[in-house]
Amino acid sequence: MSEYELPDSQKKALDNWIMQNILPQKTPSKTHPSYALKLLFEQSPDGFFITNKQFKEAMVRCEFVPVNKNKLNWDFRVTLKSSGSK
């Protein structure tokens, strides 16, 4: 396991949070780049520390496509279902 690889239980928890809290939308969100979404996850009741890279990988795993992979903080075409703290 590399230093960026999450254990399966953490991957599952992160993927579940993404699927429960993030919805696809047609236009990119400028208010919720990957780093901001990562922080929302970490502050959630079931959250834990992850890197921005780990969060971006999880978003792709959950079938969210980044607008521009060349940026440090990826924008996604998403909106939050609620406050993002489920």
Protein backbone atom coordinates (compact mmCIF):
# COMPACT_ATOMS: atom_id res chain seq x y z
CA MET A 1 0.00 0.00 0.00
CA SER A 2 1.44 3.39 -0.99
CA GLU A 3 1.47 6.36 1.38
CA TYR A 4 -1.54 7.77 -0.51
CA GLU A 5 -3.55 4.54 -0.50
CA LEU A 6 -6.44 4.41 1.95
CA PRO A 7 -7.46 1.19 3.69
CA ASP A 8 -10.62 -0.35 2.21
CA SER A 9 -12.75 0.67 5.21
CA GLN A 10 -11.73 4.32 4.80
CA LYS A 11 -12.28 4.19 1.02
CA LYS A 12 -15.77 2.87 1.64
CA ALA A 13 -16.53 5.57 4.25
CA LEU A 14 -15.27 8.31 1.92
CA ASP A 15 -17.14 6.96 -1.11
CA ASN A 16 -20.34 6.65 0.96
CA TRP A 17 -20.00 10.26 2.13
CA ILE A 18 -19.53 11.47 -1.45
CA MET A 19 -22.57 9.54 -2.70
CA GLN A 20 -24.73 10.76 0.22
CA ASN A 21 -23.71 14.41 0.06
CA ILE A 22 -22.78 15.35 -3.51
CA LEU A 23 -25.04 15.57 -6.55
CA PRO A 24 -24.03 16.02 -10.20
CA GLN A 25 -25.03 19.23 -11.97
CA LYS A 26 -24.54 20.60 -15.47
CA THR A 27 -22.21 23.49 -14.66
CA PRO A 28 -18.93 23.42 -12.73
CA SER A 29 -19.02 24.59 -9.12
CA LYS A 30 -16.61 27.41 -8.37
CA THR A 31 -17.61 27.35 -4.70
CA HIS A 32 -16.76 23.69 -4.06
CA PRO A 33 -13.34 22.79 -5.49
CA SER A 34 -11.82 19.49 -4.41
CA TYR A 35 -10.00 20.98 -1.43
CA ALA A 36 -13.16 22.62 -0.03
CA LEU A 37 -15.10 19.36 -0.45
CA LYS A 38 -12.26 17.45 1.24
CA LEU A 39 -12.49 19.79 4.24
CA LEU A 40 -16.27 19.28 4.44
CA PHE A 41 -15.69 15.52 4.54
CA GLU A 42 -13.02 15.82 7.25
CA GLN A 43 -15.36 17.94 9.40
CA SER A 44 -18.28 15.54 9.01
CA PRO A 45 -19.16 13.19 11.92
CA ASP A 46 -17.64 10.17 10.15
CA GLY A 47 -14.78 12.13 8.56
CA PHE A 48 -11.04 11.72 9.02
CA PHE A 49 -7.92 13.35 7.58
CA ILE A 50 -7.25 12.69 3.89
CA THR A 51 -5.11 14.41 1.29
CA ASN A 52 -6.53 16.42 -1.58
CA LYS A 53 -5.17 13.72 -3.91
CA GLN A 54 -7.06 11.02 -2.02
CA PHE A 55 -10.26 13.05 -2.22
CA LYS A 56 -9.85 13.66 -5.96
CA GLU A 57 -9.27 9.93 -6.53
CA ALA A 58 -12.44 9.16 -4.57
CA MET A 59 -14.46 11.60 -6.66
CA VAL A 60 -13.27 9.89 -9.84
CA ARG A 61 -14.00 6.49 -8.28
CA CYS A 62 -17.56 7.75 -7.65
CA GLU A 63 -17.80 8.73 -11.34
CA PHE A 64 -17.46 12.52 -10.98
CA VAL A 65 -15.32 13.93 -13.79
CA PRO A 66 -13.04 16.90 -13.07
CA VAL A 67 -13.37 19.97 -15.27
CA ASN A 68 -9.59 20.42 -15.58
CA LYS A 69 -7.15 17.80 -14.24
CA ASN A 70 -4.23 20.20 -14.70
CA LYS A 71 -5.33 22.39 -11.79
CA LEU A 72 -4.21 21.64 -8.23
CA ASN A 73 -7.76 21.89 -6.86
CA TRP A 74 -10.18 20.28 -9.26
CA ASP A 75 -13.58 21.77 -9.99
CA PHE A 76 -16.41 19.31 -10.50
CA ARG A 77 -19.90 19.73 -11.91
CA VAL A 78 -21.51 19.17 -8.51
CA THR A 79 -23.69 20.64 -5.82
CA LEU A 80 -24.20 19.62 -2.22
CA LYS A 81 -27.35 17.74 -1.21
CA SER A 82 -27.35 19.49 2.17
CA SER A 83 -24.79 21.15 4.39
CA GLY A 84 -22.35 18.35 3.51
CA SER A 85 -22.12 17.14 7.09
CA LYS A 86 -23.94 13.80 6.91
